C-alpha atoms as a PDB file:
ATOM      1  CA  UNK A   1      43.893  17.060 -17.548  1.00  0.00           C
ATOM      2  CA  UNK A   2      43.477  13.909 -15.365  1.00  0.00           C
ATOM      3  CA  UNK A   3      44.312  10.735 -17.118  1.00  0.00           C
ATOM      4  CA  UNK A   4      44.222   7.169 -16.818  1.00  0.00           C
ATOM      5  CA  UNK A   5      47.695   6.537 -18.471  1.00  0.00           C
ATOM      6  CA  UNK A   6      50.589   4.157 -18.916  1.00  0.00           C
ATOM      7  CA  UNK A   7      54.207   6.100 -19.448  1.00  0.00           C
ATOM      8  CA  UNK A   8      56.462   4.481 -21.844  1.00  0.00           C
ATOM      9  CA  UNK A   9      60.298   6.041 -21.779  1.00  0.00           C
ATOM     10  CA  UNK A  10      62.238   6.049 -25.057  1.00  0.00           C
ATOM     11  CA  UNK A  11      65.579   7.285 -25.887  1.00  0.00           C
ATOM     12  CA  UNK A  12      64.656  11.248 -24.973  1.00  0.00           C
ATOM     13  CA  UNK A  13      61.220  11.220 -24.285  1.00  0.00           C
ATOM     14  CA  UNK A  14      58.264   9.861 -22.172  1.00  0.00           C
ATOM     15  CA  UNK A  15      54.957   9.054 -23.785  1.00  0.00           C
ATOM     16  CA  UNK A  16      51.537   8.952 -22.114  1.00  0.00           C
ATOM     17  CA  UNK A  17      48.809   6.883 -23.777  1.00  0.00           C
ATOM     18  CA  UNK A  18      45.779   7.912 -22.511  1.00  0.00           C
ATOM     19  CA  UNK A  19      42.392   5.591 -22.471  1.00  0.00           C
ATOM     20  CA  UNK A  20      39.693   6.528 -24.514  1.00  0.00           C
ATOM     21  CA  UNK A  21      37.268   6.771 -21.787  1.00  0.00           C
ATOM     22  CA  UNK A  22      39.199   9.836 -20.311  1.00  0.00           C
ATOM     23  CA  UNK A  23      37.444  12.981 -20.284  1.00  0.00           C
ATOM     24  CA  UNK A  24      38.738  15.270 -22.787  1.00  0.00           C
ATOM     25  CA  UNK A  25      37.997  18.994 -24.790  1.00  0.00           C
ATOM     26  CA  UNK A  26      34.573  18.038 -26.307  1.00  0.00           C
ATOM     27  CA  UNK A  27      36.169  18.226 -30.010  1.00  0.00           C
ATOM     28  CA  UNK A  28      38.494  15.479 -28.595  1.00  0.00           C
ATOM     29  CA  UNK A  29      35.711  13.299 -27.227  1.00  0.00           C
ATOM     30  CA  UNK A  30      33.338  13.665 -29.954  1.00  0.00           C
ATOM     31  CA  UNK A  31      35.975  12.919 -32.982  1.00  0.00           C
ATOM     32  CA  UNK A  32      39.014  11.569 -31.917  1.00  0.00           C
ATOM     33  CA  UNK A  33      40.653   8.509 -30.108  1.00  0.00           C
ATOM     34  CA  UNK A  34      44.033   7.013 -29.107  1.00  0.00           C
ATOM     35  CA  UNK A  35      45.263   9.981 -27.574  1.00  0.00           C
ATOM     36  CA  UNK A  36      49.010  10.236 -26.949  1.00  0.00           C
ATOM     37  CA  UNK A  37      50.718  12.871 -25.019  1.00  0.00           C
ATOM     38  CA  UNK A  38      54.358  13.638 -25.349  1.00  0.00           C
ATOM     39  CA  UNK A  39      55.543  14.935 -22.253  1.00  0.00           C
ATOM     40  CA  UNK A  40      59.268  16.030 -23.589  1.00  0.00           C
ATOM     41  CA  UNK A  41      57.611  17.965 -26.567  1.00  0.00           C
ATOM     42  CA  UNK A  42      54.548  19.306 -24.703  1.00  0.00           C
ATOM     43  CA  UNK A  43      52.496  17.877 -27.836  1.00  0.00           C
ATOM     44  CA  UNK A  44      49.668  15.724 -28.041  1.00  0.00           C
ATOM     45  CA  UNK A  45      48.286  13.657 -30.711  1.00  0.00           C
ATOM     46  CA  UNK A  46      44.951  12.144 -31.781  1.00  0.00           C
ATOM     47  CA  UNK A  47      43.575  10.100 -34.632  1.00  0.00           C
ATOM     48  CA  UNK A  48      40.481  11.166 -36.301  1.00  0.00           C
ATOM     49  CA  UNK A  49      37.601   8.743 -35.787  1.00  0.00           C
ATOM     50  CA  UNK A  50      36.414   9.819 -39.582  1.00  0.00           C
ATOM     51  CA  UNK A  51      39.489   9.373 -41.524  1.00  0.00           C
ATOM     52  CA  UNK A  52      41.996   7.747 -39.404  1.00  0.00           C
ATOM     53  CA  UNK A  53      44.505  10.307 -39.745  1.00  0.00           C
ATOM     54  CA  UNK A  54      46.443  11.537 -37.065  1.00  0.00           C
ATOM     55  CA  UNK A  55      46.312  15.235 -35.988  1.00  0.00           C
ATOM     56  CA  UNK A  56      48.793  16.883 -33.384  1.00  0.00           C
ATOM     57  CA  UNK A  57      48.674  20.069 -31.472  1.00  0.00           C
ATOM     58  CA  UNK A  58      50.272  21.783 -28.588  1.00  0.00           C
ATOM     59  CA  UNK A  59      49.332  20.160 -25.114  1.00  0.00           C
ATOM     60  CA  UNK A  60      46.107  21.324 -24.031  1.00  0.00           C
ATOM     61  CA  UNK A  61      45.135  23.513 -27.099  1.00  0.00           C
ATOM     62  CA  UNK A  62      42.605  22.123 -29.674  1.00  0.00           C
ATOM     63  CA  UNK A  63      43.004  24.729 -32.508  1.00  0.00           C
ATOM     64  CA  UNK A  64      44.333  21.834 -35.104  1.00  0.00           C
ATOM     65  CA  UNK A  65      41.872  19.289 -33.998  1.00  0.00           C
ATOM     66  CA  UNK A  66      39.147  21.580 -35.033  1.00  0.00           C
ATOM     67  CA  UNK A  67      40.579  23.011 -37.940  1.00  0.00           C
ATOM     68  CA  UNK A  68      40.996  19.534 -39.145  1.00  0.00           C
ATOM     69  CA  UNK A  69      37.410  18.774 -38.425  1.00  0.00           C
ATOM     70  CA  UNK A  70      36.206  22.032 -40.061  1.00  0.00           C
ATOM     71  CA  UNK A  71      38.153  21.851 -43.339  1.00  0.00           C
ATOM     72  CA  UNK A  72      38.300  17.776 -43.963  1.00  0.00           C
ATOM     73  CA  UNK A  73      34.429  17.091 -42.219  1.00  0.00           C
ATOM     74  CA  UNK A  74      32.305  20.273 -42.548  1.00  0.00           C
ATOM     75  CA  UNK A  75      28.905  18.377 -42.606  1.00  0.00           C
ATOM     76  CA  UNK A  76      29.900  16.385 -39.322  1.00  0.00           C
ATOM     77  CA  UNK A  77      31.478  19.529 -37.866  1.00  0.00           C
ATOM     78  CA  UNK A  78      28.375  21.633 -38.672  1.00  0.00           C
ATOM     79  CA  UNK A  79      25.810  19.115 -37.297  1.00  0.00           C
ATOM     80  CA  UNK A  80      28.075  18.922 -34.009  1.00  0.00           C
ATOM     81  CA  UNK A  81      28.044  22.862 -33.488  1.00  0.00           C
ATOM     82  CA  UNK A  82      24.010  22.675 -34.018  1.00  0.00           C
ATOM     83  CA  UNK A  83      23.596  19.862 -31.385  1.00  0.00           C
ATOM     84  CA  UNK A  84      25.771  22.025 -28.933  1.00  0.00           C
ATOM     85  CA  UNK A  85      23.651  25.005 -29.769  1.00  0.00           C
ATOM     86  CA  UNK A  86      20.493  22.669 -28.884  1.00  0.00           C
ATOM     87  CA  UNK A  87      21.615  21.651 -25.764  1.00  0.00           C
ATOM     88  CA  UNK A  88      21.799  25.337 -24.616  1.00  0.00           C
ATOM     89  CA  UNK A  89      18.404  26.062 -26.225  1.00  0.00           C
ATOM     90  CA  UNK A  90      16.764  23.328 -24.095  1.00  0.00           C
ATOM     91  CA  UNK A  91      18.466  23.980 -21.004  1.00  0.00           C
ATOM     92  CA  UNK A  92      17.407  27.867 -21.353  1.00  0.00           C
ATOM     93  CA  UNK A  93      13.514  26.449 -22.659  1.00  0.00           C
ATOM     94  CA  UNK A  94      13.191  24.258 -19.852  1.00  0.00           C
ATOM     95  CA  UNK A  95      14.171  26.353 -17.152  1.00  0.00           C
ATOM     96  CA  UNK A  96      11.754  29.392 -18.818  1.00  0.00           C
ATOM     97  CA  UNK A  97       9.117  26.919 -18.267  1.00  0.00           C
ATOM     98  CA  UNK A  98       9.844  25.300 -14.990  1.00  0.00           C
ATOM     99  CA  UNK A  99      11.033  28.359 -13.024  1.00  0.00           C
ATOM    100  CA  UNK A 100       8.727  31.085 -14.821  1.00  0.00           C
ATOM    101  CA  UNK A 101       5.475  29.497 -16.003  1.00  0.00           C
ATOM    102  CA  UNK A 102       5.074  27.131 -13.366  1.00  0.00           C
ATOM    103  CA  UNK A 103       6.867  27.752 -10.206  1.00  0.00           C
ATOM    104  CA  UNK A 104       6.146  31.609 -10.665  1.00  0.00           C
ATOM    105  CA  UNK A 105       2.675  30.898 -12.137  1.00  0.00           C
ATOM    106  CA  UNK A 106       3.332  33.623 -14.925  1.00  0.00           C
ATOM    107  CA  UNK A 107       1.114  33.206 -17.987  1.00  0.00           C
ATOM    108  CA  UNK A 108       1.956  31.587 -21.018  1.00  0.00           C
ATOM    109  CA  UNK A 109       1.835  34.827 -23.230  1.00  0.00           C
ATOM    110  CA  UNK A 110       5.071  36.001 -21.495  1.00  0.00           C
ATOM    111  CA  UNK A 111       6.630  34.248 -24.337  1.00  0.00           C
ATOM    112  CA  UNK A 112       4.910  36.741 -27.025  1.00  0.00           C
ATOM    113  CA  UNK A 113       5.892  39.694 -24.935  1.00  0.00           C
ATOM    114  CA  UNK A 114       8.460  41.977 -26.937  1.00  0.00           C
ATOM    115  CA  UNK A 115      10.503  43.089 -23.429  1.00  0.00           C
ATOM    116  CA  UNK A 116      10.813  39.647 -22.213  1.00  0.00           C
ATOM    117  CA  UNK A 117      12.068  38.665 -25.773  1.00  0.00           C
ATOM    118  CA  UNK A 118      14.702  41.096 -25.650  1.00  0.00           C
ATOM    119  CA  UNK A 119      15.621  40.084 -22.532  1.00  0.00           C
ATOM    120  CA  UNK A 120      15.956  36.630 -23.443  1.00  0.00           C
ATOM    121  CA  UNK A 121      18.281  38.047 -26.556  1.00  0.00           C
ATOM    122  CA  UNK A 122      20.503  39.709 -23.417  1.00  0.00           C
ATOM    123  CA  UNK A 123      20.747  35.996 -21.836  1.00  0.00           C
ATOM    124  CA  UNK A 124      21.545  34.384 -25.044  1.00  0.00           C
ATOM    125  CA  UNK A 125      21.684  36.101 -28.610  1.00  0.00           C
ATOM    126  CA  UNK A 126      21.507  32.902 -30.372  1.00  0.00           C
ATOM    127  CA  UNK A 127      18.662  31.836 -28.104  1.00  0.00           C
ATOM    128  CA  UNK A 128      15.199  31.091 -30.616  1.00  0.00           C
ATOM    129  CA  UNK A 129      12.313  31.971 -28.321  1.00  0.00           C
ATOM    130  CA  UNK A 130       9.500  29.072 -28.308  1.00  0.00           C
ATOM    131  CA  UNK A 131       5.944  29.693 -28.959  1.00  0.00           C
ATOM    132  CA  UNK A 132       2.974  29.159 -26.943  1.00  0.00           C
ATOM    133  CA  UNK A 133       1.602  26.223 -29.151  1.00  0.00           C
ATOM    134  CA  UNK A 134       4.830  24.138 -28.469  1.00  0.00           C
ATOM    135  CA  UNK A 135       4.556  24.935 -24.807  1.00  0.00           C
ATOM    136  CA  UNK A 136       0.871  23.440 -24.359  1.00  0.00           C
ATOM    137  CA  UNK A 137       1.238  20.994 -26.566  1.00  0.00           C
ATOM    138  CA  UNK A 138       4.734  19.776 -26.389  1.00  0.00           C
ATOM    139  CA  UNK A 139       7.009  20.718 -23.318  1.00  0.00           C
ATOM    140  CA  UNK A 140       4.022  20.629 -20.597  1.00  0.00           C
ATOM    141  CA  UNK A 141       2.791  16.913 -21.571  1.00  0.00           C
ATOM    142  CA  UNK A 142       6.599  15.890 -21.741  1.00  0.00           C
ATOM    143  CA  UNK A 143       7.101  17.702 -17.914  1.00  0.00           C
ATOM    144  CA  UNK A 144       3.822  16.158 -16.612  1.00  0.00           C
ATOM    145  CA  UNK A 145       4.892  12.501 -17.657  1.00  0.00           C
ATOM    146  CA  UNK A 146       8.310  13.110 -15.964  1.00  0.00           C
ATOM    147  CA  UNK A 147       6.481  13.993 -12.615  1.00  0.00           C
ATOM    148  CA  UNK A 148       3.992  11.496 -12.995  1.00  0.00           C
ATOM    149  CA  UNK A 149       6.816   9.007 -13.312  1.00  0.00           C
ATOM    150  CA  UNK A 150       8.880  10.347 -10.335  1.00  0.00           C
ATOM    151  CA  UNK A 151       5.609  10.204  -8.328  1.00  0.00           C
ATOM    152  CA  UNK A 152       5.204   6.629  -8.922  1.00  0.00           C
ATOM    153  CA  UNK A 153       8.856   5.785  -8.056  1.00  0.00           C
ATOM    154  CA  UNK A 154       7.998   7.491  -4.841  1.00  0.00           C
ATOM    155  CA  UNK A 155       4.910   5.377  -4.073  1.00  0.00           C
ATOM    156  CA  UNK A 156       6.755   2.382  -4.907  1.00  0.00           C
ATOM    157  CA  UNK A 157       9.074   3.247  -1.992  1.00  0.00           C
ATOM    158  CA  UNK A 158       6.142   3.732   0.326  1.00  0.00           C
ATOM    159  CA  UNK A 159       5.188   1.098   2.428  1.00  0.00           C
ATOM    160  CA  UNK A 160       2.162   2.926   3.955  1.00  0.00           C
ATOM    161  CA  UNK A 161       0.210   6.145   2.792  1.00  0.00           C
ATOM    162  CA  UNK A 162      -2.479   8.350   3.658  1.00  0.00           C
ATOM    163  CA  UNK A 163      -4.658  10.545   1.345  1.00  0.00           C
ATOM    164  CA  UNK A 164      -6.271  13.843   1.682  1.00  0.00           C
ATOM    165  CA  UNK A 165      -9.143  14.326  -0.415  1.00  0.00           C
ATOM    166  CA  UNK A 166     -10.772  17.962  -1.051  1.00  0.00           C
ATOM    167  CA  UNK A 167     -12.977  19.722  -3.620  1.00  0.00           C
ATOM    168  CA  UNK A 168     -12.219  23.427  -4.474  1.00  0.00           C
ATOM    169  CA  UNK A 169     -13.447  26.263  -6.612  1.00  0.00           C
ATOM    170  CA  UNK A 170     -11.930  29.028  -8.093  1.00  0.00           C
ATOM    171  CA  UNK A 171     -13.381  32.578  -8.647  1.00  0.00           C
ATOM    172  CA  UNK A 172     -15.120  31.753 -11.757  1.00  0.00           C
ATOM    173  CA  UNK A 173     -16.753  28.750  -9.790  1.00  0.00           C
ATOM    174  CA  UNK A 174     -14.883  26.107 -11.858  1.00  0.00           C
ATOM    175  CA  UNK A 175     -14.452  22.961  -9.157  1.00  0.00           C
ATOM    176  CA  UNK A 176     -11.445  20.885  -9.020  1.00  0.00           C
ATOM    177  CA  UNK A 177     -10.825  17.764  -7.084  1.00  0.00           C
ATOM    178  CA  UNK A 178      -7.363  17.520  -5.380  1.00  0.00           C
ATOM    179  CA  UNK A 179      -6.023  14.130  -3.647  1.00  0.00           C
ATOM    180  CA  UNK A 180      -2.809  14.495  -1.651  1.00  0.00           C
ATOM    181  CA  UNK A 181      -0.447  12.052  -0.563  1.00  0.00           C
ATOM    182  CA  UNK A 182       1.363  11.707   2.666  1.00  0.00           C
ATOM    183  CA  UNK A 183       3.888   9.210   3.845  1.00  0.00           C
ATOM    184  CA  UNK A 184       7.340   8.525   5.698  1.00  0.00           C
ATOM    185  CA  UNK A 185      10.382   7.564   3.364  1.00  0.00           C
ATOM    186  CA  UNK A 186      13.870   6.988   5.344  1.00  0.00           C
ATOM    187  CA  UNK A 187      12.280   8.516   8.433  1.00  0.00           C
ATOM    188  CA  UNK A 188      11.171  11.760   6.768  1.00  0.00           C
ATOM    189  CA  UNK A 189       7.420  12.897   6.481  1.00  0.00           C
ATOM    190  CA  UNK A 190       6.816  13.406   2.749  1.00  0.00           C
ATOM    191  CA  UNK A 191       3.625  15.226   1.202  1.00  0.00           C
ATOM    192  CA  UNK A 192       3.124  15.267  -2.699  1.00  0.00           C
ATOM    193  CA  UNK A 193      -0.055  16.426  -4.421  1.00  0.00           C
ATOM    194  CA  UNK A 194      -1.152  13.120  -7.081  1.00  0.00           C
ATOM    195  CA  UNK A 195      -4.156  14.753  -8.841  1.00  0.00           C
ATOM    196  CA  UNK A 196      -5.598  18.149  -9.245  1.00  0.00           C
ATOM    197  CA  UNK A 197      -8.574  17.318 -11.894  1.00  0.00           C
ATOM    198  CA  UNK A 198     -11.459  19.865 -13.354  1.00  0.00           C
ATOM    199  CA  UNK A 199     -14.559  18.375 -12.030  1.00  0.00           C
ATOM    200  CA  UNK A 200     -17.439  19.057 -14.505  1.00  0.00           C
ATOM    201  CA  UNK A 201     -21.127  18.752 -14.079  1.00  0.00           C
ATOM    202  CA  UNK A 202     -22.638  17.543 -10.610  1.00  0.00           C
ATOM    203  CA  UNK A 203     -20.120  16.518  -7.843  1.00  0.00           C
ATOM    204  CA  UNK A 204     -21.821  12.989  -7.362  1.00  0.00           C
ATOM    205  CA  UNK A 205     -20.397  10.537  -5.212  1.00  0.00           C
ATOM    206  CA  UNK A 206     -19.961   8.301  -7.968  1.00  0.00           C
ATOM    207  CA  UNK A 207     -17.728  10.461 -10.016  1.00  0.00           C
ATOM    208  CA  UNK A 208     -15.451  11.298  -6.655  1.00  0.00           C
ATOM    209  CA  UNK A 209     -14.989   7.570  -6.464  1.00  0.00           C
ATOM    210  CA  UNK A 210     -14.217   6.973 -10.085  1.00  0.00           C
ATOM    211  CA  UNK A 211     -11.617   9.696  -9.903  1.00  0.00           C
ATOM    212  CA  UNK A 212     -10.409   8.457  -6.320  1.00  0.00           C
ATOM    213  CA  UNK A 213      -9.905   4.849  -8.083  1.00  0.00           C
ATOM    214  CA  UNK A 214      -8.360   6.213 -11.047  1.00  0.00           C
ATOM    215  CA  UNK A 215      -5.526   7.820  -8.477  1.00  0.00           C
ATOM    216  CA  UNK A 216      -5.320   4.729  -6.550  1.00  0.00           C
ATOM    217  CA  UNK A 217      -4.610   2.566 -10.154  1.00  0.00           C
ATOM    218  CA  UNK A 218      -1.831   4.848 -11.462  1.00  0.00           C
ATOM    219  CA  UNK A 219       0.339   4.972  -8.360  1.00  0.00           C
ATOM    220  CA  UNK A 220      -0.706   1.241  -7.167  1.00  0.00           C
ATOM    221  CA  UNK A 221      -1.451   2.301  -4.030  1.00  0.00           C
ATOM    222  CA  UNK A 222      -4.313  -0.478  -3.234  1.00  0.00           C
ATOM    223  CA  UNK A 223      -2.477  -2.413  -0.347  1.00  0.00           C
ATOM    224  CA  UNK A 224      -0.500   0.492   1.021  1.00  0.00           C
ATOM    225  CA  UNK A 225      -3.780   2.924   1.505  1.00  0.00           C
ATOM    226  CA  UNK A 226      -4.462   2.999   5.817  1.00  0.00           C
ATOM    227  CA  UNK A 227      -6.358   6.209   5.901  1.00  0.00           C
ATOM    228  CA  UNK A 228      -8.466   8.686   3.966  1.00  0.00           C
ATOM    229  CA  UNK A 229      -8.991  12.422   5.134  1.00  0.00           C
ATOM    230  CA  UNK A 230     -11.838  14.310   3.770  1.00  0.00           C
ATOM    231  CA  UNK A 231     -14.827  16.894   5.104  1.00  0.00           C
ATOM    232  CA  UNK A 232     -18.240  15.642   6.153  1.00  0.00           C
ATOM    233  CA  UNK A 233     -19.632  16.932   2.775  1.00  0.00           C
ATOM    234  CA  UNK A 234     -22.732  14.310   1.568  1.00  0.00           C
ATOM    235  CA  UNK A 235     -21.069  13.555  -1.754  1.00  0.00           C
ATOM    236  CA  UNK A 236     -17.753  12.527   0.153  1.00  0.00           C
ATOM    237  CA  UNK A 237     -19.747  10.263   2.650  1.00  0.00           C
ATOM    238  CA  UNK A 238     -21.734   8.796  -0.338  1.00  0.00           C
ATOM    239  CA  UNK A 239     -18.434   8.120  -2.334  1.00  0.00           C
ATOM    240  CA  UNK A 240     -16.120   6.623   0.529  1.00  0.00           C
ATOM    241  CA  UNK A 241     -18.300   5.539   3.745  1.00  0.00           C
ATOM    242  CA  UNK A 242     -18.433   1.953   2.354  1.00  0.00           C
ATOM    243  CA  UNK A 243     -14.636   1.756   1.480  1.00  0.00           C
ATOM    244  CA  UNK A 244     -12.378  -0.783   2.932  1.00  0.00           C
ATOM    245  CA  UNK A 245      -8.752   0.074   2.953  1.00  0.00           C
ATOM    246  CA  UNK A 246      -6.945  -3.544   2.523  1.00  0.00           C
ATOM    247  CA  UNK A 247      -3.783  -1.742   4.449  1.00  0.00           C
ATOM    248  CA  UNK A 248      -5.638  -0.328   7.382  1.00  0.00           C
ATOM    249  CA  UNK A 249      -5.955  -3.609   9.396  1.00  0.00           C
ATOM    250  CA  UNK A 250      -2.116  -4.562   8.985  1.00  0.00           C
ATOM    251  CA  UNK A 251      -0.939  -1.138   9.826  1.00  0.00           C
ATOM    252  CA  UNK A 252      -3.237  -0.885  12.982  1.00  0.00           C
ATOM    253  CA  UNK A 253      -2.796  -4.190  14.235  1.00  0.00           C
ATOM    254  CA  UNK A 254       0.054  -3.196  16.395  1.00  0.00           C
ATOM    255  CA  UNK A 255      -1.161  -0.240  17.704  1.00  0.00           C
ATOM    256  CA  UNK A 256      -4.940  -1.992  18.600  1.00  0.00           C
ATOM    257  CA  UNK A 257      -2.672  -3.929  20.417  1.00  0.00           C
ATOM    258  CA  UNK A 258      -0.711  -1.575  22.529  1.00  0.00           C
ATOM    259  CA  UNK A 259      -4.041   0.139  23.164  1.00  0.00           C
ATOM    260  CA  UNK A 260      -5.774  -3.096  24.591  1.00  0.00           C
ATOM    261  CA  UNK A 261      -2.893  -3.401  27.111  1.00  0.00           C
ATOM    262  CA  UNK A 262      -2.970   0.100  27.821  1.00  0.00           C
ATOM    263  CA  UNK A 263      -6.559   0.028  28.440  1.00  0.00           C
ATOM    264  CA  UNK A 264      -6.286  -3.322  30.503  1.00  0.00           C
ATOM    265  CA  UNK A 265      -3.646  -1.469  32.658  1.00  0.00           C
ATOM    266  CA  UNK A 266      -5.594   1.613  33.060  1.00  0.00           C
ATOM    267  CA  UNK A 267      -8.687  -0.681  34.270  1.00  0.00           C
ATOM    268  CA  UNK A 268      -6.795  -2.394  36.845  1.00  0.00           C
ATOM    269  CA  UNK A 269      -5.100   0.819  38.071  1.00  0.00           C
ATOM    270  CA  UNK A 270      -8.695   2.060  38.203  1.00  0.00           C
ATOM    271  CA  UNK A 271      -9.695  -1.083  40.171  1.00  0.00           C
ATOM    272  CA  UNK A 272      -6.791  -0.383  42.642  1.00  0.00           C
ATOM    273  CA  UNK A 273      -7.595   3.272  43.150  1.00  0.00           C
ATOM    274  CA  UNK A 274     -11.202   2.339  43.915  1.00  0.00           C
ATOM    275  CA  UNK A 275     -10.102  -0.405  46.355  1.00  0.00           C
ATOM    276  CA  UNK A 276      -7.880   1.827  48.123  1.00  0.00           C
ATOM    277  CA  UNK A 277     -10.284   4.827  48.121  1.00  0.00           C
ATOM    278  CA  UNK A 278     -12.872   1.999  49.341  1.00  0.00           C
ATOM    279  CA  UNK A 279     -10.750   0.918  52.424  1.00  0.00           C
ATOM    280  CA  UNK A 280      -9.640   5.017  53.129  1.00  0.00           C
ATOM    281  CA  UNK A 281     -13.553   5.742  53.222  1.00  0.00           C
ATOM    282  CA  UNK A 282     -14.376   2.778  55.504  1.00  0.00           C
ATOM    283  CA  UNK A 283     -12.254   4.138  58.174  1.00  0.00           C
ATOM    284  CA  UNK A 284     -13.182   7.709  57.923  1.00  0.00           C
ATOM    285  CA  UNK A 285     -16.387   6.452  59.118  1.00  0.00           C
ATOM    286  CA  UNK A 286     -18.075   6.322  62.612  1.00  0.00           C
ATOM    287  CA  UNK A 287     -18.278   2.987  64.444  1.00  0.00           C
ATOM    288  CA  UNK A 288     -22.219   3.111  64.193  1.00  0.00           C
ATOM    289  CA  UNK A 289     -21.941   3.506  60.431  1.00  0.00           C
ATOM    290  CA  UNK A 290     -19.265   0.824  60.033  1.00  0.00           C
ATOM    291  CA  UNK A 291     -21.265  -1.294  61.962  1.00  0.00           C
ATOM    292  CA  UNK A 292     -24.498  -0.694  59.787  1.00  0.00           C
ATOM    293  CA  UNK A 293     -22.554  -1.359  56.652  1.00  0.00           C
ATOM    294  CA  UNK A 294     -21.086  -4.343  57.814  1.00  0.00           C
ATOM    295  CA  UNK A 295     -23.955  -6.164  58.167  1.00  0.00           C
ATOM    296  CA  UNK A 296     -25.461  -5.016  55.105  1.00  0.00           C
ATOM    297  CA  UNK A 297     -26.225  -7.150  52.484  1.00  0.00           C
ATOM    298  CA  UNK A 298     -23.285  -6.783  49.316  1.00  0.00           C
ATOM    299  CA  UNK A 299     -25.637  -4.842  47.285  1.00  0.00           C
ATOM    300  CA  UNK A 300     -26.108  -2.283  49.889  1.00  0.00           C
ATOM    301  CA  UNK A 301     -22.437  -2.147  50.684  1.00  0.00           C
ATOM    302  CA  UNK A 302     -21.207  -0.917  47.158  1.00  0.00           C
ATOM    303  CA  UNK A 303     -22.833   2.843  47.511  1.00  0.00           C
ATOM    304  CA  UNK A 304     -21.885   2.971  50.667  1.00  0.00           C
ATOM    305  CA  UNK A 305     -17.815   2.644  50.075  1.00  0.00           C
ATOM    306  CA  UNK A 306     -17.883   4.814  47.101  1.00  0.00           C
ATOM    307  CA  UNK A 307     -19.929   7.864  48.863  1.00  0.00           C
ATOM    308  CA  UNK A 308     -17.804  10.892  49.673  1.00  0.00           C
END
């Protein structure tokens, strides 16, 4: 066991005094402190946190420590064991919901299936199968809140974001309104689904705008949104045609400046090319035409120089 220690030398033994924050066996971490290791005798001693009695055992074994807690502090020992089992129970339950029900889209009724229950008994005989009611009323809402919190943290780290909005209908013609976030964090492109809500009734522009505003407020995106992508459905146009994006102008200022510079440069290049072509065409015409165009007024000169 790794230790942070102080070594003291007596007449015939060396003792390592281990700090209380050093990791040890679970029973020692839970019920004991003041751990001393006697190197010469290959023993270690701890002080019980409940009754202050010193307990000694062979180094790296815990049978005496467990025996002391079981016989002297049975209630505390039972509570500790139940807590340990609960951690395993919680781990398997979370894995079942996350991997099977959410990621694999298996139905909630799987927890009522006898074959699946037998399988879980093989995984852990002490596991107590959860029921559908607990999944829908407890576990899923808790996981949902954790996901929302993580998404809010991601949005807080984003400087600029764009959103994709779409309405989707399933085979039973139930409609859903989805909003997807796109952003760049630490030079890496990220995309997340922020909302996928059921739409009931008519898909009016006001209803879409209200759901959009709810998501913007939930994730605090008001000053970060630079672009919205939708289809050309009339309800989308009614909902977002007059929308002003606060972050749009700031985000695209540099891009507009660069574009203006490129357009100016292209315009100068076109003028130079026009001038060079004009000179070339003027040299290619015969003397009679050259004399005619040279004496012509400016308005008549331009088309003659640009005619191929």
